[in-house]
Amino acid sequence: MSKTEARPVRRCDWATNELAICYHDDEWGVPVHDDRRWFEFLILEGAQAGLSWDTILRKRPAYRAAFDDFDPALVARYNQEKVERLLADPGIVRNRLKIRSAIKNAQAFLNVQGEFGHFDDYIWRFVEGRPITNAWRSRGDVPARTVESDALSKDLKRRGFTFVGSTICYALMQATGLVNDHLVDCFRYPRS
């Protein structure tokens, strides 16, 4: 290869389409410190349960519109009429349990903010304030859950959150940079 030829970019092998590549390159694994973003990821990870992340990424703009740009104070006040409108919205996952979970989680989210000042202050305690950097060589090495995701799941459930099992919590931790699970040969690994 000559010096002028560009080397192909190596990234995690799950990023296989344009939307997933943009998400992988710009967002996945980047530490989150904004409470509205935390709430967005909580809703989206819960909505993803049983579905592919690609499905949720495609629906993300519709979720932003349907859930008032992920404002937990607004979502916490949704009533039955709003639930019915959401169930009729083809842009989101129309699952009654997941929609009700988003509302319940908004209420629990506000309670956490009331106790800790910011949800961010609460959640980063589960990794002692800084990202856990792993060194996985293949997707098969990456666990579906960890001791930390078990602890987070247990505590969220205790606080009234739903759709927060340990596997969902680990996906949340990966997405929001609580853990760096980019594969070691991925160009994002040293940057996360």
N, C-alpha and C. Protein backbone atom coordinates (compact mmCIF):
# COMPACT_ATOMS: atom_id res chain seq x y z
N MET A 1 0.85 -1.17 0.00
CA MET A 1 0.00 0.00 0.00
C MET A 1 0.89 1.23 0.00
N SER A 2 0.62 2.16 -0.89
CA SER A 2 1.42 3.38 -0.94
C SER A 2 0.99 4.32 0.18
N LYS A 3 1.85 5.29 0.46
CA LYS A 3 1.56 6.24 1.53
C LYS A 3 0.32 7.07 1.22
N THR A 4 -0.01 7.22 -0.06
CA THR A 4 -1.15 8.05 -0.42
C THR A 4 -2.48 7.29 -0.35
N GLU A 5 -2.42 5.96 -0.32
CA GLU A 5 -3.65 5.19 -0.22
C GLU A 5 -4.14 5.17 1.22
N ALA A 6 -5.43 5.41 1.38
CA ALA A 6 -6.01 5.42 2.73
C ALA A 6 -6.23 3.99 3.22
N ARG A 7 -5.92 3.79 4.47
CA ARG A 7 -6.19 2.49 5.08
C ARG A 7 -7.67 2.44 5.44
N PRO A 8 -8.27 1.28 5.30
CA PRO A 8 -9.68 1.20 5.68
C PRO A 8 -9.84 1.40 7.19
N VAL A 9 -10.91 2.06 7.54
CA VAL A 9 -11.21 2.29 8.95
C VAL A 9 -11.74 0.99 9.55
N ARG A 10 -11.15 0.59 10.67
CA ARG A 10 -11.63 -0.60 11.37
C ARG A 10 -12.56 -0.15 12.48
N ARG A 11 -13.73 -0.76 12.52
CA ARG A 11 -14.68 -0.44 13.57
C ARG A 11 -15.31 -1.72 14.07
N CYS A 12 -16.04 -1.64 15.14
CA CYS A 12 -16.74 -2.80 15.69
C CYS A 12 -17.64 -3.40 14.61
N ASP A 13 -17.66 -4.73 14.53
CA ASP A 13 -18.31 -5.38 13.40
C ASP A 13 -19.83 -5.30 13.39
N TRP A 14 -20.45 -4.80 14.45
CA TRP A 14 -21.91 -4.67 14.44
C TRP A 14 -22.36 -3.43 13.66
N ALA A 15 -21.46 -2.52 13.40
CA ALA A 15 -21.80 -1.30 12.66
C ALA A 15 -21.72 -1.61 11.17
N THR A 16 -22.85 -2.05 10.60
CA THR A 16 -22.83 -2.57 9.24
C THR A 16 -23.65 -1.76 8.24
N ASN A 17 -24.39 -0.76 8.69
CA ASN A 17 -25.14 0.07 7.75
C ASN A 17 -24.87 1.53 8.08
N GLU A 18 -25.29 2.42 7.21
CA GLU A 18 -24.94 3.83 7.36
C GLU A 18 -25.39 4.42 8.71
N LEU A 19 -26.60 4.11 9.12
CA LEU A 19 -27.11 4.64 10.39
C LEU A 19 -26.32 4.10 11.57
N ALA A 20 -26.05 2.80 11.56
CA ALA A 20 -25.28 2.18 12.65
C ALA A 20 -23.84 2.67 12.65
N ILE A 21 -23.27 2.89 11.49
CA ILE A 21 -21.90 3.40 11.41
C ILE A 21 -21.82 4.81 12.00
N CYS A 22 -22.76 5.67 11.65
CA CYS A 22 -22.77 7.03 12.22
C CYS A 22 -22.93 6.97 13.74
N TYR A 23 -23.85 6.13 14.21
CA TYR A 23 -24.07 6.00 15.65
C TYR A 23 -22.80 5.48 16.34
N HIS A 24 -22.20 4.44 15.77
CA HIS A 24 -20.97 3.87 16.31
C HIS A 24 -19.86 4.91 16.36
N ASP A 25 -19.65 5.60 15.26
CA ASP A 25 -18.51 6.51 15.14
C ASP A 25 -18.65 7.77 15.98
N ASP A 26 -19.88 8.24 16.16
CA ASP A 26 -20.09 9.54 16.81
C ASP A 26 -20.67 9.48 18.21
N GLU A 27 -21.29 8.37 18.58
CA GLU A 27 -22.07 8.38 19.81
C GLU A 27 -21.81 7.22 20.76
N TRP A 28 -21.80 6.00 20.23
CA TRP A 28 -21.74 4.82 21.08
C TRP A 28 -20.46 4.80 21.89
N GLY A 29 -20.60 4.72 23.18
CA GLY A 29 -19.44 4.66 24.06
C GLY A 29 -18.89 6.01 24.50
N VAL A 30 -19.49 7.09 24.01
CA VAL A 30 -19.05 8.42 24.43
C VAL A 30 -19.71 8.74 25.77
N PRO A 31 -18.94 9.09 26.78
CA PRO A 31 -19.53 9.34 28.10
C PRO A 31 -20.60 10.44 28.07
N VAL A 32 -21.76 10.10 28.63
CA VAL A 32 -22.89 11.01 28.72
C VAL A 32 -22.88 11.67 30.10
N HIS A 33 -23.16 12.97 30.10
CA HIS A 33 -23.25 13.71 31.37
C HIS A 33 -24.44 14.66 31.39
N ASP A 34 -25.35 14.51 30.45
CA ASP A 34 -26.52 15.36 30.34
C ASP A 34 -27.77 14.55 30.72
N ASP A 35 -28.54 15.03 31.67
CA ASP A 35 -29.68 14.27 32.15
C ASP A 35 -30.73 13.99 31.08
N ARG A 36 -30.95 14.92 30.18
CA ARG A 36 -31.93 14.66 29.12
C ARG A 36 -31.46 13.51 28.23
N ARG A 37 -30.17 13.44 27.95
CA ARG A 37 -29.62 12.33 27.16
C ARG A 37 -29.75 11.02 27.92
N TRP A 38 -29.53 11.07 29.24
CA TRP A 38 -29.71 9.86 30.04
C TRP A 38 -31.13 9.35 29.91
N PHE A 39 -32.09 10.26 30.00
CA PHE A 39 -33.48 9.84 29.90
C PHE A 39 -33.79 9.29 28.51
N GLU A 40 -33.25 9.92 27.50
CA GLU A 40 -33.42 9.41 26.13
C GLU A 40 -32.93 7.97 26.02
N PHE A 41 -31.73 7.73 26.51
CA PHE A 41 -31.19 6.37 26.41
C PHE A 41 -31.99 5.37 27.24
N LEU A 42 -32.49 5.78 28.38
CA LEU A 42 -33.33 4.88 29.18
C LEU A 42 -34.58 4.47 28.41
N ILE A 43 -35.23 5.44 27.77
CA ILE A 43 -36.44 5.13 26.99
C ILE A 43 -36.09 4.24 25.80
N LEU A 44 -35.04 4.61 25.07
CA LEU A 44 -34.70 3.86 23.85
C LEU A 44 -34.21 2.45 24.17
N GLU A 45 -33.41 2.28 25.21
CA GLU A 45 -32.94 0.93 25.55
C GLU A 45 -34.11 0.06 26.00
N GLY A 46 -35.05 0.63 26.74
CA GLY A 46 -36.24 -0.13 27.13
C GLY A 46 -37.10 -0.49 25.93
N ALA A 47 -37.23 0.43 24.98
CA ALA A 47 -38.00 0.17 23.77
C ALA A 47 -37.35 -0.91 22.92
N GLN A 48 -36.04 -1.02 23.00
CA GLN A 48 -35.30 -1.98 22.17
C GLN A 48 -35.48 -3.42 22.63
N ALA A 49 -35.90 -3.62 23.86
CA ALA A 49 -36.02 -4.99 24.39
C ALA A 49 -36.78 -5.89 23.41
N GLY A 50 -36.10 -6.95 22.97
CA GLY A 50 -36.69 -7.91 22.05
C GLY A 50 -36.61 -7.50 20.59
N LEU A 51 -36.03 -6.35 20.31
CA LEU A 51 -35.92 -5.85 18.94
C LEU A 51 -34.44 -5.56 18.64
N SER A 52 -34.16 -5.20 17.40
CA SER A 52 -32.80 -4.85 17.04
C SER A 52 -32.56 -3.37 17.32
N TRP A 53 -31.32 -3.03 17.62
CA TRP A 53 -30.98 -1.63 17.85
C TRP A 53 -31.17 -0.82 16.58
N ASP A 54 -30.96 -1.44 15.41
CA ASP A 54 -31.20 -0.75 14.13
C ASP A 54 -32.64 -0.26 14.04
N THR A 55 -33.58 -1.08 14.50
CA THR A 55 -34.99 -0.68 14.49
C THR A 55 -35.18 0.59 15.31
N ILE A 56 -34.58 0.64 16.48
CA ILE A 56 -34.72 1.80 17.36
C ILE A 56 -34.01 3.01 16.77
N LEU A 57 -32.84 2.83 16.19
CA LEU A 57 -32.15 3.96 15.57
C LEU A 57 -32.99 4.58 14.46
N ARG A 58 -33.65 3.74 13.66
CA ARG A 58 -34.50 4.26 12.59
C ARG A 58 -35.70 5.03 13.16
N LYS A 59 -36.18 4.61 14.31
CA LYS A 59 -37.35 5.24 14.93
C LYS A 59 -36.98 6.40 15.87
N ARG A 60 -35.72 6.62 16.08
CA ARG A 60 -35.29 7.62 17.06
C ARG A 60 -35.87 9.01 16.81
N PRO A 61 -35.87 9.53 15.59
CA PRO A 61 -36.47 10.85 15.38
C PRO A 61 -37.96 10.89 15.75
N ALA A 62 -38.66 9.82 15.45
CA ALA A 62 -40.09 9.76 15.81
C ALA A 62 -40.26 9.70 17.33
N TYR A 63 -39.35 9.01 18.01
CA TYR A 63 -39.38 8.98 19.47
C TYR A 63 -39.16 10.37 20.05
N ARG A 64 -38.23 11.12 19.47
CA ARG A 64 -37.97 12.48 19.96
C ARG A 64 -39.24 13.32 19.86
N ALA A 65 -39.93 13.21 18.74
CA ALA A 65 -41.16 13.98 18.55
C ALA A 65 -42.27 13.48 19.48
N ALA A 66 -42.44 12.18 19.55
CA ALA A 66 -43.55 11.60 20.33
C ALA A 66 -43.37 11.80 21.82
N PHE A 67 -42.13 11.80 22.30
CA PHE A 67 -41.86 11.91 23.74
C PHE A 67 -41.28 13.28 24.11
N ASP A 68 -41.79 14.33 23.47
CA ASP A 68 -41.44 15.71 23.84
C ASP A 68 -39.94 15.92 24.01
N ASP A 69 -39.18 15.47 23.03
CA ASP A 69 -37.73 15.62 23.04
C ASP A 69 -37.11 15.07 24.33
N PHE A 70 -37.73 14.00 24.84
CA PHE A 70 -37.24 13.28 26.02
C PHE A 70 -37.14 14.18 27.26
N ASP A 71 -38.14 15.01 27.44
CA ASP A 71 -38.21 15.84 28.66
C ASP A 71 -38.91 15.01 29.74
N PRO A 72 -38.18 14.54 30.75
CA PRO A 72 -38.80 13.66 31.74
C PRO A 72 -39.94 14.32 32.52
N ALA A 73 -39.86 15.63 32.73
CA ALA A 73 -40.93 16.32 33.46
C ALA A 73 -42.24 16.29 32.67
N LEU A 74 -42.16 16.39 31.36
CA LEU A 74 -43.37 16.30 30.53
C LEU A 74 -43.86 14.86 30.43
N VAL A 75 -42.95 13.93 30.19
CA VAL A 75 -43.33 12.53 30.03
C VAL A 75 -43.96 11.99 31.31
N ALA A 76 -43.48 12.43 32.45
CA ALA A 76 -44.01 11.97 33.74
C ALA A 76 -45.49 12.32 33.92
N ARG A 77 -45.96 13.33 33.19
CA ARG A 77 -47.35 13.77 33.33
C ARG A 77 -48.27 13.23 32.24
N TYR A 78 -47.78 12.33 31.40
CA TYR A 78 -48.63 11.79 30.34
C TYR A 78 -49.84 11.08 30.95
N ASN A 79 -50.99 11.31 30.32
CA ASN A 79 -52.23 10.69 30.77
C ASN A 79 -52.68 9.62 29.78
N GLN A 80 -53.84 9.04 30.04
CA GLN A 80 -54.35 7.95 29.20
C GLN A 80 -54.56 8.41 27.76
N GLU A 81 -55.02 9.63 27.57
CA GLU A 81 -55.23 10.15 26.22
C GLU A 81 -53.91 10.17 25.44
N LYS A 82 -52.84 10.60 26.11
CA LYS A 82 -51.53 10.63 25.47
C LYS A 82 -51.04 9.21 25.19
N VAL A 83 -51.29 8.29 26.11
CA VAL A 83 -50.91 6.89 25.88
C VAL A 83 -51.59 6.37 24.62
N GLU A 84 -52.87 6.66 24.45
CA GLU A 84 -53.60 6.20 23.27
C GLU A 84 -53.02 6.82 21.99
N ARG A 85 -52.64 8.09 22.04
CA ARG A 85 -52.01 8.72 20.87
C ARG A 85 -50.68 8.04 20.54
N LEU A 86 -49.91 7.72 21.57
CA LEU A 86 -48.63 7.04 21.35
C LEU A 86 -48.86 5.65 20.76
N LEU A 87 -49.87 4.96 21.23
CA LEU A 87 -50.16 3.61 20.71
C LEU A 87 -50.58 3.65 19.24
N ALA A 88 -51.04 4.80 18.77
CA ALA A 88 -51.45 4.95 17.37
C ALA A 88 -50.33 5.50 16.49
N ASP A 89 -49.19 5.82 17.08
CA ASP A 89 -48.08 6.43 16.36
C ASP A 89 -47.23 5.36 15.68
N PRO A 90 -47.28 5.26 14.34
CA PRO A 90 -46.51 4.21 13.66
C PRO A 90 -44.99 4.46 13.68
N GLY A 91 -44.56 5.63 14.11
CA GLY A 91 -43.14 5.94 14.12
C GLY A 91 -42.38 5.35 15.30
N ILE A 92 -43.12 4.89 16.33
CA ILE A 92 -42.47 4.32 17.51
C ILE A 92 -42.90 2.87 17.67
N VAL A 93 -42.30 2.19 18.64
CA VAL A 93 -42.71 0.83 18.97
C VAL A 93 -44.02 0.95 19.75
N ARG A 94 -45.10 0.43 19.18
CA ARG A 94 -46.42 0.60 19.78
C ARG A 94 -46.73 -0.57 20.71
N ASN A 95 -46.08 -0.55 21.84
CA ASN A 95 -46.23 -1.58 22.84
C ASN A 95 -46.68 -0.89 24.14
N ARG A 96 -47.87 -1.24 24.59
CA ARG A 96 -48.46 -0.58 25.76
C ARG A 96 -47.54 -0.65 26.99
N LEU A 97 -46.94 -1.81 27.22
CA LEU A 97 -46.07 -1.96 28.38
C LEU A 97 -44.85 -1.05 28.29
N LYS A 98 -44.27 -0.93 27.11
CA LYS A 98 -43.09 -0.09 26.93
C LYS A 98 -43.45 1.40 27.04
N ILE A 99 -44.61 1.77 26.56
CA ILE A 99 -45.05 3.17 26.67
C ILE A 99 -45.33 3.51 28.13
N ARG A 100 -46.03 2.64 28.82
CA ARG A 100 -46.31 2.87 30.25
C ARG A 100 -44.99 2.89 31.05
N SER A 101 -44.05 2.05 30.64
CA SER A 101 -42.75 2.03 31.30
C SER A 101 -42.04 3.37 31.14
N ALA A 102 -42.10 3.97 29.96
CA ALA A 102 -41.46 5.27 29.75
C ALA A 102 -42.03 6.32 30.70
N ILE A 103 -43.33 6.28 30.92
CA ILE A 103 -43.96 7.24 31.82
C ILE A 103 -43.54 6.97 33.27
N LYS A 104 -43.61 5.72 33.65
CA LYS A 104 -43.20 5.34 35.02
C LYS A 104 -41.72 5.67 35.24
N ASN A 105 -40.90 5.40 34.24
CA ASN A 105 -39.47 5.69 34.36
C ASN A 105 -39.21 7.19 34.44
N ALA A 106 -40.02 7.99 33.77
CA ALA A 106 -39.88 9.45 33.88
C ALA A 106 -40.15 9.89 35.31
N GLN A 107 -41.15 9.33 35.93
CA GLN A 107 -41.47 9.67 37.32
C GLN A 107 -40.33 9.25 38.25
N ALA A 108 -39.82 8.04 38.04
CA ALA A 108 -38.70 7.56 38.86
C ALA A 108 -37.45 8.39 38.60
N PHE A 109 -37.23 8.78 37.35
CA PHE A 109 -36.09 9.59 36.97
C PHE A 109 -36.11 10.92 37.73
N LEU A 110 -37.28 11.56 37.80
CA LEU A 110 -37.42 12.82 38.53
C LEU A 110 -37.13 12.62 40.01
N ASN A 111 -37.54 11.49 40.56
CA ASN A 111 -37.24 11.19 41.96
C ASN A 111 -35.73 11.06 42.20
N VAL A 112 -35.04 10.41 41.27
CA VAL A 112 -33.58 10.28 41.38
C VAL A 112 -32.94 11.67 41.30
N GLN A 113 -33.41 12.49 40.37
CA GLN A 113 -32.87 13.85 40.29
C GLN A 113 -33.09 14.61 41.59
N GLY A 114 -34.27 14.43 42.20
CA GLY A 114 -34.56 15.09 43.46
C GLY A 114 -33.63 14.64 44.58
N GLU A 115 -33.26 13.36 44.56
CA GLU A 115 -32.39 12.83 45.61
C GLU A 115 -30.92 13.17 45.38
N PHE A 116 -30.46 13.11 44.13
CA PHE A 116 -29.03 13.25 43.84
C PHE A 116 -28.66 14.58 43.18
N GLY A 117 -29.65 15.38 42.82
CA GLY A 117 -29.38 16.63 42.12
C GLY A 117 -29.43 16.44 40.61
N HIS A 118 -28.76 15.40 40.13
CA HIS A 118 -28.75 15.05 38.71
C HIS A 118 -28.73 13.53 38.59
N PHE A 119 -29.41 13.02 37.58
CA PHE A 119 -29.34 11.59 37.31
C PHE A 119 -27.90 11.19 37.02
N ASP A 120 -27.18 12.07 36.36
CA ASP A 120 -25.77 11.82 36.03
C ASP A 120 -24.95 11.52 37.29
N ASP A 121 -25.18 12.28 38.35
CA ASP A 121 -24.45 12.04 39.60
C ASP A 121 -24.79 10.68 40.19
N TYR A 122 -26.03 10.27 40.02
CA TYR A 122 -26.47 8.96 40.52
C TYR A 122 -25.81 7.81 39.74
N ILE A 123 -25.89 7.85 38.43
CA ILE A 123 -25.53 6.67 37.64
C ILE A 123 -24.02 6.44 37.55
N TRP A 124 -23.24 7.51 37.54
CA TRP A 124 -21.80 7.33 37.44
C TRP A 124 -21.21 6.68 38.69
N ARG A 125 -21.95 6.64 39.79
CA ARG A 125 -21.47 5.97 41.00
C ARG A 125 -21.27 4.47 40.76
N PHE A 126 -21.99 3.90 39.79
CA PHE A 126 -21.91 2.45 39.55
C PHE A 126 -20.60 2.03 38.89
N VAL A 127 -19.83 3.02 38.39
CA VAL A 127 -18.51 2.74 37.82
C VAL A 127 -17.45 3.61 38.50
N GLU A 128 -17.74 4.03 39.71
CA GLU A 128 -16.82 4.84 40.52
C GLU A 128 -16.38 6.13 39.82
N GLY A 129 -17.29 6.69 39.02
CA GLY A 129 -17.05 8.00 38.43
C GLY A 129 -16.26 8.05 37.14
N ARG A 130 -15.79 6.89 36.66
CA ARG A 130 -15.07 6.91 35.39
C ARG A 130 -15.32 5.62 34.60
N PRO A 131 -15.23 5.73 33.27
CA PRO A 131 -15.55 4.58 32.43
C PRO A 131 -14.67 3.36 32.72
N ILE A 132 -15.28 2.21 32.65
CA ILE A 132 -14.55 0.95 32.69
C ILE A 132 -14.09 0.66 31.26
N THR A 133 -12.80 0.50 31.06
CA THR A 133 -12.27 0.21 29.73
C THR A 133 -11.95 -1.27 29.64
N ASN A 134 -12.66 -1.96 28.78
CA ASN A 134 -12.42 -3.38 28.55
C ASN A 134 -11.48 -3.56 27.37
N ALA A 135 -11.08 -4.77 27.10
CA ALA A 135 -10.13 -5.04 26.01
C ALA A 135 -10.59 -6.27 25.23
N TRP A 136 -11.78 -6.17 24.64
CA TRP A 136 -12.35 -7.30 23.91
C TRP A 136 -11.75 -7.37 22.50
N ARG A 137 -11.49 -8.60 22.05
CA ARG A 137 -10.94 -8.80 20.72
C ARG A 137 -12.00 -9.19 19.70
N SER A 138 -13.13 -9.72 20.16
CA SER A 138 -14.22 -10.07 19.24
C SER A 138 -15.55 -9.84 19.93
N ARG A 139 -16.59 -9.71 19.12
CA ARG A 139 -17.93 -9.48 19.66
C ARG A 139 -18.33 -10.61 20.60
N GLY A 140 -17.88 -11.80 20.33
CA GLY A 140 -18.20 -12.94 21.18
C GLY A 140 -17.61 -12.86 22.58
N ASP A 141 -16.59 -12.05 22.77
CA ASP A 141 -15.98 -11.86 24.08
C ASP A 141 -16.80 -10.95 24.99
N VAL A 142 -17.62 -10.08 24.40
CA VAL A 142 -18.35 -9.06 25.14
C VAL A 142 -19.50 -9.71 25.91
N PRO A 143 -19.55 -9.48 27.22
CA PRO A 143 -20.62 -10.09 28.01
C PRO A 143 -21.96 -9.39 27.77
N ALA A 144 -23.04 -10.07 28.09
CA ALA A 144 -24.37 -9.48 27.99
C ALA A 144 -24.72 -8.71 29.26
N ARG A 145 -24.02 -9.02 30.34
CA ARG A 145 -24.25 -8.36 31.63
C ARG A 145 -23.00 -8.49 32.47
N THR A 146 -22.90 -7.67 33.50
CA THR A 146 -21.74 -7.69 34.38
C THR A 146 -22.22 -7.48 35.82
N VAL A 147 -21.30 -7.57 36.74
CA VAL A 147 -21.60 -7.29 38.14
C VAL A 147 -22.15 -5.87 38.27
N GLU A 148 -21.56 -4.93 37.54
CA GLU A 148 -22.00 -3.53 37.60
C GLU A 148 -23.40 -3.36 37.02
N SER A 149 -23.68 -4.02 35.90
CA SER A 149 -25.03 -3.90 35.33
C SER A 149 -26.06 -4.59 36.21
N ASP A 150 -25.67 -5.68 36.88
CA ASP A 150 -26.57 -6.33 37.85
C ASP A 150 -26.92 -5.36 38.98
N ALA A 151 -25.90 -4.66 39.50
CA ALA A 151 -26.12 -3.72 40.60
C ALA A 151 -26.98 -2.55 40.15
N LEU A 152 -26.72 -2.02 38.96
CA LEU A 152 -27.51 -0.91 38.44
C LEU A 152 -28.96 -1.34 38.25
N SER A 153 -29.16 -2.50 37.63
CA SER A 153 -30.51 -3.01 37.41
C SER A 153 -31.27 -3.17 38.73
N LYS A 154 -30.64 -3.76 39.69
CA LYS A 154 -31.28 -3.98 40.99
C LYS A 154 -31.68 -2.66 41.64
N ASP A 155 -30.78 -1.67 41.57
CA ASP A 155 -31.08 -0.39 42.19
C ASP A 155 -32.16 0.38 41.44
N LEU A 156 -32.11 0.35 40.12
CA LEU A 156 -33.16 1.02 39.34
C LEU A 156 -34.52 0.41 39.63
N LYS A 157 -34.59 -0.91 39.66
CA LYS A 157 -35.87 -1.58 39.97
C LYS A 157 -36.36 -1.18 41.35
N ARG A 158 -35.46 -1.12 42.30
CA ARG A 158 -35.82 -0.73 43.67
C ARG A 158 -36.41 0.69 43.68
N ARG A 159 -35.96 1.51 42.77
CA ARG A 159 -36.42 2.89 42.70
C ARG A 159 -37.66 3.05 41.82
N GLY A 160 -38.21 1.94 41.30
CA GLY A 160 -39.45 1.99 40.54
C GLY A 160 -39.33 1.98 39.04
N PHE A 161 -38.12 1.85 38.51
CA PHE A 161 -37.94 1.79 37.06
C PHE A 161 -38.36 0.41 36.55
N THR A 162 -38.79 0.37 35.30
CA THR A 162 -39.13 -0.89 34.65
C THR A 162 -38.39 -0.99 33.31
N PHE A 163 -38.37 -2.19 32.74
CA PHE A 163 -37.59 -2.48 31.53
C PHE A 163 -36.13 -2.09 31.76
N VAL A 164 -35.61 -2.50 32.90
CA VAL A 164 -34.22 -2.21 33.27
C VAL A 164 -33.54 -3.47 33.81
N GLY A 165 -33.73 -4.58 33.11
CA GLY A 165 -33.02 -5.79 33.48
C GLY A 165 -31.52 -5.60 33.26
N SER A 166 -30.73 -6.53 33.76
CA SER A 166 -29.28 -6.37 33.70
C SER A 166 -28.75 -6.28 32.27
N THR A 167 -29.32 -7.03 31.33
CA THR A 167 -28.86 -6.96 29.94
C THR A 167 -29.16 -5.59 29.34
N ILE A 168 -30.35 -5.06 29.60
CA ILE A 168 -30.69 -3.72 29.13
C ILE A 168 -29.76 -2.70 29.78
N CYS A 169 -29.50 -2.86 31.07
CA CYS A 169 -28.60 -1.93 31.76
C CYS A 169 -27.19 -1.99 31.19
N TYR A 170 -26.73 -3.19 30.82
CA TYR A 170 -25.39 -3.25 30.25
C TYR A 170 -25.35 -2.55 28.88
N ALA A 171 -26.39 -2.73 28.08
CA ALA A 171 -26.46 -2.02 26.80
C ALA A 171 -26.48 -0.51 27.03
N LEU A 172 -27.19 -0.07 28.05
CA LEU A 172 -27.21 1.34 28.42
C LEU A 172 -25.80 1.81 28.81
N MET A 173 -25.12 1.01 29.59
CA MET A 173 -23.77 1.36 30.03
C MET A 173 -22.81 1.46 28.83
N GLN A 174 -22.95 0.56 27.88
CA GLN A 174 -22.11 0.60 26.68
C GLN A 174 -22.40 1.85 25.85
N ALA A 175 -23.69 2.11 25.64
CA ALA A 175 -24.09 3.22 24.78
C ALA A 175 -23.66 4.57 25.33
N THR A 176 -23.67 4.70 26.65
CA THR A 176 -23.45 6.00 27.29
C THR A 176 -22.05 6.18 27.84
N GLY A 177 -21.15 5.26 27.54
CA GLY A 177 -19.76 5.42 27.91
C GLY A 177 -19.41 5.07 29.34
N LEU A 178 -20.34 4.46 30.08
CA LEU A 178 -19.97 3.97 31.41
C LEU A 178 -18.94 2.86 31.26
N VAL A 179 -19.02 2.14 30.15
CA VAL A 179 -18.00 1.16 29.80
C VAL A 179 -17.56 1.41 28.37
N ASN A 180 -16.31 1.14 28.08
CA ASN A 180 -15.79 1.20 26.72
C ASN A 180 -15.70 -0.23 26.22
N ASP A 181 -16.67 -0.61 25.39
CA ASP A 181 -16.67 -1.95 24.82
C ASP A 181 -16.38 -1.95 23.33
N HIS A 182 -15.76 -0.87 22.82
CA HIS A 182 -15.26 -0.95 21.45
C HIS A 182 -14.18 -2.02 21.43
N LEU A 183 -14.17 -2.81 20.37
CA LEU A 183 -13.13 -3.84 20.25
C LEU A 183 -11.77 -3.16 20.14
N VAL A 184 -10.74 -3.86 20.58
CA VAL A 184 -9.41 -3.24 20.65
C VAL A 184 -8.87 -2.80 19.28
N ASP A 185 -9.33 -3.44 18.21
CA ASP A 185 -8.84 -3.02 16.89
C ASP A 185 -9.74 -1.98 16.23
N CYS A 186 -10.76 -1.52 16.93
CA CYS A 186 -11.66 -0.48 16.43
C CYS A 186 -10.99 0.88 16.60
N PHE A 187 -11.14 1.74 15.60
CA PHE A 187 -10.51 3.07 15.67
C PHE A 187 -11.06 3.89 16.83
N ARG A 188 -12.24 3.57 17.33
CA ARG A 188 -12.84 4.32 18.44
C ARG A 188 -12.32 3.84 19.80
N TYR A 189 -11.71 2.68 19.87
CA TYR A 189 -11.28 2.13 21.16
C TYR A 189 -10.45 3.10 21.99
N PRO A 190 -9.39 3.66 21.45
CA PRO A 190 -8.58 4.54 22.30
C PRO A 190 -9.24 5.90 22.55
N ARG A 191 -10.27 6.25 21.80
CA ARG A 191 -10.89 7.57 21.90
C ARG A 191 -12.07 7.60 22.87
N SER A 192 -12.58 6.46 23.26
CA SER A 192 -13.78 6.45 24.11
C SER A 192 -13.40 6.64 25.56
